[in-house]
Amino acid sequence: MGRPVEGAVPAEAGSTSSSMAQPPGPALTVRVRLLVLAAAALAFSTHFFPSPQLRVWLARLAGDPSMVGPGRVFCHLFLFSTLTALVSFAVWSLLAARGWLPRPREWFGPGPRPVATAVHGVIAGVALSAFFVGLVAAVSAAGVTTGLRVALSRFDGWDAVANLFSNFYEEIVYRGLMLLTIVRVSGRPWLGVILSSLVFGLVHTQYGIVMMSTVAIGGAAMAWVCLRTRSLWSAWAVHMLTDILVPLFIGIPGAR
């Protein structure tokens, strides 16, 4: 028998889990729940400090690379969510070592059903992209000004390569540590989906309020898929597909 988890209380007999159940593990005491929340909040706070300051310093050190071509890849690889993702992964690993969160390697894998993970990611990514494009088209046809417009664009390979990295970093932060912390502490998957997606939308301040709202909707879809498949890769697939497909049909002010 393995050693008991510190700060855990016995689970209720006869408890069951759904297909989108909370990450497994013994129930946590109130003290441990507060510690886990505080640790996750501290990790996310690096998004506000010192990440922006470090981003400016690194950009200057690199000669202020442009946001086109290889410079765009450099910025996405090193400047945007890099520090917050590294800190989040470290905190996640430490909390998992105490048995308070599921181990990262369990969520970095393809999930219990790899084919289903891939299918969920592709279908959700295409469906979400179609929803966004259809919504913008309908709103524009109604004469509502949102700052978004239906406009065909060329595929930007450099942008896709850049998003390979920054999107993965964001999955660690929002669908990794943040989502799993909320679900583990509250025992309510729906609460984790809602709160993590709201934060995901709010931090995209380079967009207007309408686009931030659609980003939050996208975050909810990614969180649902992640919990459904028990894998970050399905959420990352949704993220990548929407970032590739949506800009082909919609002009997005402030996109970087």
Protein backbone atom coordinates (compact mmCIF):
# COMPACT_ATOMS: atom_id res chain seq x y z
CA MET A 1 0.00 0.00 0.00
CA GLY A 2 1.38 3.47 -0.94
CA ARG A 3 1.90 6.15 1.66
CA PRO A 4 -1.12 8.37 2.37
CA VAL A 5 -1.18 11.80 0.81
CA GLU A 6 -0.40 14.59 3.29
CA GLY A 7 -3.40 16.84 3.78
CA ALA A 8 -5.84 14.31 2.36
CA VAL A 9 -9.07 13.15 3.92
CA PRO A 10 -10.77 9.85 3.13
CA ALA A 11 -13.01 9.89 0.07
CA GLU A 12 -16.65 9.07 0.54
CA ALA A 13 -17.56 5.48 -0.15
CA GLY A 14 -19.46 4.79 -3.31
CA SER A 15 -18.34 7.97 -5.05
CA THR A 16 -18.33 7.82 -8.82
CA SER A 17 -16.89 9.87 -11.64
CA SER A 18 -18.22 10.98 -14.99
CA SER A 19 -16.47 11.12 -18.34
CA MET A 20 -15.35 14.64 -17.43
CA ALA A 21 -14.58 13.90 -13.80
CA GLN A 22 -12.20 15.81 -11.59
CA PRO A 23 -8.55 14.65 -11.57
CA PRO A 24 -8.37 11.56 -9.35
CA GLY A 25 -6.95 11.67 -5.86
CA PRO A 26 -8.02 11.69 -2.22
CA ALA A 27 -10.02 14.67 -1.02
CA LEU A 28 -7.93 17.55 0.31
CA THR A 29 -8.25 19.34 3.61
CA VAL A 30 -9.26 23.01 3.63
CA ARG A 31 -5.71 24.04 4.56
CA VAL A 32 -4.20 22.15 1.65
CA ARG A 33 -6.81 23.50 -0.76
CA LEU A 34 -5.87 27.04 0.24
CA LEU A 35 -2.18 26.23 -0.17
CA VAL A 36 -2.77 24.78 -3.64
CA LEU A 37 -4.83 27.80 -4.70
CA ALA A 38 -2.22 30.19 -3.33
CA ALA A 39 0.60 28.39 -5.13
CA ALA A 40 -1.30 28.40 -8.45
CA ALA A 41 -2.20 32.08 -8.03
CA LEU A 42 1.42 32.93 -7.29
CA ALA A 43 2.53 31.11 -10.44
CA PHE A 44 -0.04 32.97 -12.55
CA SER A 45 0.95 36.32 -11.04
CA THR A 46 4.18 36.11 -13.02
CA HIS A 47 2.04 36.97 -16.05
CA PHE A 48 1.87 40.50 -14.61
CA PHE A 49 5.28 40.63 -12.91
CA PRO A 50 8.06 40.04 -13.79
CA SER A 51 7.09 38.57 -17.18
CA PRO A 52 6.29 41.88 -18.97
CA GLN A 53 9.44 43.52 -17.65
CA LEU A 54 11.57 40.54 -18.61
CA ARG A 55 9.92 40.51 -22.04
CA VAL A 56 10.97 44.11 -22.68
CA TRP A 57 14.53 43.44 -21.51
CA LEU A 58 14.91 40.33 -23.66
CA ALA A 59 13.44 42.10 -26.68
CA ARG A 60 15.95 44.92 -26.33
CA LEU A 61 18.76 42.43 -25.83
CA ALA A 62 17.72 40.70 -29.06
CA GLY A 63 17.57 44.01 -30.96
CA ASP A 64 13.78 44.42 -30.82
CA PRO A 65 12.90 41.66 -33.31
CA SER A 66 10.00 42.35 -35.65
CA MET A 67 6.74 40.45 -35.48
CA VAL A 68 7.15 39.00 -38.97
CA GLY A 69 9.04 35.96 -40.20
CA PRO A 70 11.69 34.48 -37.88
CA GLY A 71 11.31 37.43 -35.52
CA ARG A 72 7.73 36.37 -34.86
CA VAL A 73 8.87 32.87 -33.97
CA PHE A 74 11.50 34.29 -31.61
CA CYS A 75 8.92 36.45 -29.84
CA HIS A 76 6.47 33.58 -29.38
CA LEU A 77 9.21 31.20 -28.28
CA PHE A 78 10.88 33.42 -25.69
CA LEU A 79 8.86 36.55 -24.89
CA PHE A 80 5.13 36.04 -24.46
CA SER A 81 4.01 33.28 -22.06
CA THR A 82 7.37 31.57 -21.59
CA LEU A 83 8.17 32.56 -18.01
CA THR A 84 4.63 31.99 -16.72
CA ALA A 85 4.56 28.56 -18.37
CA LEU A 86 7.90 27.57 -16.82
CA VAL A 87 6.83 28.70 -13.35
CA SER A 88 3.42 27.05 -13.74
CA PHE A 89 5.01 23.77 -14.74
CA ALA A 90 7.40 23.92 -11.78
CA VAL A 91 4.57 24.65 -9.31
CA TRP A 92 2.40 21.95 -10.88
CA SER A 93 5.22 19.43 -10.52
CA LEU A 94 5.84 20.37 -6.87
CA LEU A 95 2.16 20.11 -5.96
CA ALA A 96 1.88 16.80 -7.81
CA ALA A 97 4.89 15.47 -5.88
CA ARG A 98 2.88 16.02 -2.70
CA GLY A 99 -0.08 14.22 -4.21
CA TRP A 100 -2.20 17.37 -4.30
CA LEU A 101 -2.51 17.59 -8.10
CA PRO A 102 -2.32 14.96 -10.83
CA ARG A 103 1.16 14.44 -12.22
CA PRO A 104 1.99 16.56 -15.28
CA ARG A 105 3.22 13.57 -17.25
CA GLU A 106 -0.28 12.06 -17.08
CA TRP A 107 -1.66 15.10 -18.91
CA PHE A 108 1.25 15.55 -21.29
CA GLY A 109 0.52 12.12 -22.73
CA PRO A 110 -2.12 11.23 -25.34
CA GLY A 111 -4.68 10.25 -22.71
CA PRO A 112 -6.29 6.86 -22.06
CA ARG A 113 -7.58 6.74 -25.66
CA PRO A 114 -5.07 8.40 -28.03
CA VAL A 115 -7.29 8.12 -31.11
CA ALA A 116 -10.20 9.74 -29.27
CA THR A 117 -7.86 12.48 -28.07
CA ALA A 118 -6.85 13.28 -31.65
CA VAL A 119 -10.42 13.09 -32.95
CA HIS A 120 -11.73 15.36 -30.20
CA GLY A 121 -9.00 17.91 -30.89
CA VAL A 122 -9.57 18.02 -34.64
CA ILE A 123 -13.37 18.04 -34.56
CA ALA A 124 -13.56 20.64 -31.79
CA GLY A 125 -10.96 22.83 -33.51
CA VAL A 126 -12.77 22.80 -36.86
CA ALA A 127 -16.20 23.24 -35.26
CA LEU A 128 -15.01 26.13 -33.10
CA SER A 129 -13.42 27.84 -36.09
CA ALA A 130 -16.62 27.46 -38.13
CA PHE A 131 -18.64 28.85 -35.22
CA PHE A 132 -16.43 31.94 -34.93
CA VAL A 133 -16.46 32.65 -38.66
CA GLY A 134 -20.22 32.13 -38.88
CA LEU A 135 -20.81 34.37 -35.87
CA VAL A 136 -18.73 37.21 -37.30
CA ALA A 137 -20.46 36.87 -40.67
CA ALA A 138 -23.90 36.96 -39.05
CA VAL A 139 -23.09 39.94 -36.85
CA SER A 140 -21.56 41.84 -39.77
CA ALA A 141 -24.60 41.10 -41.94
CA ALA A 142 -26.78 42.55 -39.19
CA GLY A 143 -24.84 45.80 -39.43
CA VAL A 144 -23.31 45.56 -35.95
CA THR A 145 -19.85 47.11 -35.67
CA THR A 146 -17.46 44.88 -33.74
CA GLY A 147 -14.07 45.61 -35.28
CA LEU A 148 -14.07 42.15 -36.82
CA ARG A 149 -14.76 41.50 -40.47
CA VAL A 150 -14.95 38.56 -42.84
CA ALA A 151 -11.89 38.83 -45.06
CA LEU A 152 -9.95 36.09 -46.82
CA SER A 153 -6.25 36.05 -46.00
CA ARG A 154 -3.22 34.03 -47.01
CA PHE A 155 -1.87 31.30 -44.75
CA ASP A 156 1.04 32.61 -42.67
CA GLY A 157 3.48 29.75 -42.10
CA TRP A 158 5.66 31.77 -39.75
CA ASP A 159 2.64 32.55 -37.61
CA ALA A 160 1.72 28.86 -37.42
CA VAL A 161 5.25 27.91 -36.39
CA ALA A 162 5.30 30.66 -33.76
CA ASN A 163 1.98 29.47 -32.32
CA LEU A 164 3.35 25.96 -31.92
CA PHE A 165 5.28 27.27 -28.95
CA SER A 166 3.17 30.03 -27.42
CA ASN A 167 -0.02 27.97 -27.66
CA PHE A 168 1.68 25.08 -25.87
CA TYR A 169 2.86 27.45 -23.15
CA GLU A 170 -0.69 28.71 -22.70
CA GLU A 171 -2.02 25.17 -22.39
CA ILE A 172 0.38 24.55 -19.50
CA VAL A 173 -0.82 27.71 -17.76
CA TYR A 174 -4.58 27.67 -18.41
CA ARG A 175 -5.59 24.07 -19.14
CA GLY A 176 -2.76 22.66 -17.03
CA LEU A 177 -2.13 24.26 -13.66
CA MET A 178 -5.09 26.67 -13.56
CA LEU A 179 -7.85 24.34 -14.77
CA LEU A 180 -6.69 21.29 -12.82
CA THR A 181 -6.18 23.33 -9.64
CA ILE A 182 -9.73 24.70 -9.73
CA VAL A 183 -11.21 21.30 -10.51
CA ARG A 184 -9.12 19.52 -7.86
CA VAL A 185 -9.87 22.06 -5.16
CA SER A 186 -13.57 22.57 -5.91
CA GLY A 187 -14.46 19.12 -7.18
CA ARG A 188 -16.51 20.80 -9.92
CA PRO A 189 -15.24 20.43 -13.50
CA TRP A 190 -17.73 23.01 -14.80
CA LEU A 191 -16.32 25.61 -12.42
CA GLY A 192 -12.80 24.95 -13.67
CA VAL A 193 -13.96 25.27 -17.27
CA ILE A 194 -15.74 28.57 -16.63
CA LEU A 195 -13.12 30.29 -14.48
CA SER A 196 -10.07 29.23 -16.49
CA SER A 197 -11.72 30.29 -19.75
CA LEU A 198 -12.76 33.68 -18.33
CA VAL A 199 -9.18 34.38 -17.25
CA PHE A 200 -7.93 33.15 -20.62
CA GLY A 201 -10.15 35.64 -22.39
CA LEU A 202 -9.38 38.55 -20.08
CA VAL A 203 -5.60 38.32 -20.46
CA HIS A 204 -5.84 38.75 -24.25
CA THR A 205 -5.89 42.50 -23.83
CA GLN A 206 -4.41 43.11 -27.30
CA TYR A 207 -7.91 42.48 -28.66
CA GLY A 208 -11.18 44.33 -28.26
CA ILE A 209 -13.95 43.18 -25.94
CA VAL A 210 -15.74 41.19 -28.65
CA MET A 211 -12.64 39.21 -29.57
CA MET A 212 -11.78 38.71 -25.91
CA SER A 213 -15.23 37.19 -25.45
CA THR A 214 -14.70 34.77 -28.33
CA VAL A 215 -11.29 33.85 -26.90
CA ALA A 216 -13.02 32.99 -23.61
CA ILE A 217 -15.52 30.80 -25.47
CA GLY A 218 -12.63 29.09 -27.21
CA GLY A 219 -10.92 28.60 -23.85
CA ALA A 220 -14.03 26.87 -22.52
CA ALA A 221 -14.02 24.48 -25.48
CA MET A 222 -10.33 23.72 -24.96
CA ALA A 223 -10.86 23.12 -21.24
CA TRP A 224 -13.79 20.78 -21.90
CA VAL A 225 -11.82 18.79 -24.47
CA CYS A 226 -8.83 18.63 -22.13
CA LEU A 227 -10.88 17.18 -19.28
CA ARG A 228 -12.79 14.91 -21.62
CA THR A 229 -9.63 13.33 -23.04
CA ARG A 230 -7.38 13.79 -19.99
CA SER A 231 -4.71 15.25 -22.23
CA LEU A 232 -3.34 18.72 -22.90
CA TRP A 233 -2.64 17.71 -26.50
CA SER A 234 -6.31 17.73 -27.48
CA ALA A 235 -6.68 21.28 -26.17
CA TRP A 236 -3.48 22.27 -27.95
CA ALA A 237 -4.88 20.82 -31.21
CA VAL A 238 -8.05 22.91 -30.81
CA HIS A 239 -5.92 25.97 -30.07
CA MET A 240 -3.70 25.45 -33.11
CA LEU A 241 -6.55 24.78 -35.53
CA THR A 242 -8.51 27.86 -34.50
CA ASP A 243 -5.39 30.03 -34.71
CA ILE A 244 -4.74 28.71 -38.22
CA LEU A 245 -8.27 28.59 -39.62
CA VAL A 246 -9.95 31.67 -38.16
CA PRO A 247 -7.41 34.24 -39.46
CA LEU A 248 -7.89 32.80 -42.96
CA PHE A 249 -11.44 34.13 -42.97
CA ILE A 250 -11.55 36.92 -40.38
CA GLY A 251 -9.55 40.12 -40.09
CA ILE A 252 -8.55 40.40 -36.43
CA PRO A 253 -7.34 43.82 -35.22
CA GLY A 254 -4.54 43.56 -32.69
CA ALA A 255 -3.54 40.01 -33.65
CA ARG A 256 0.10 39.38 -32.97
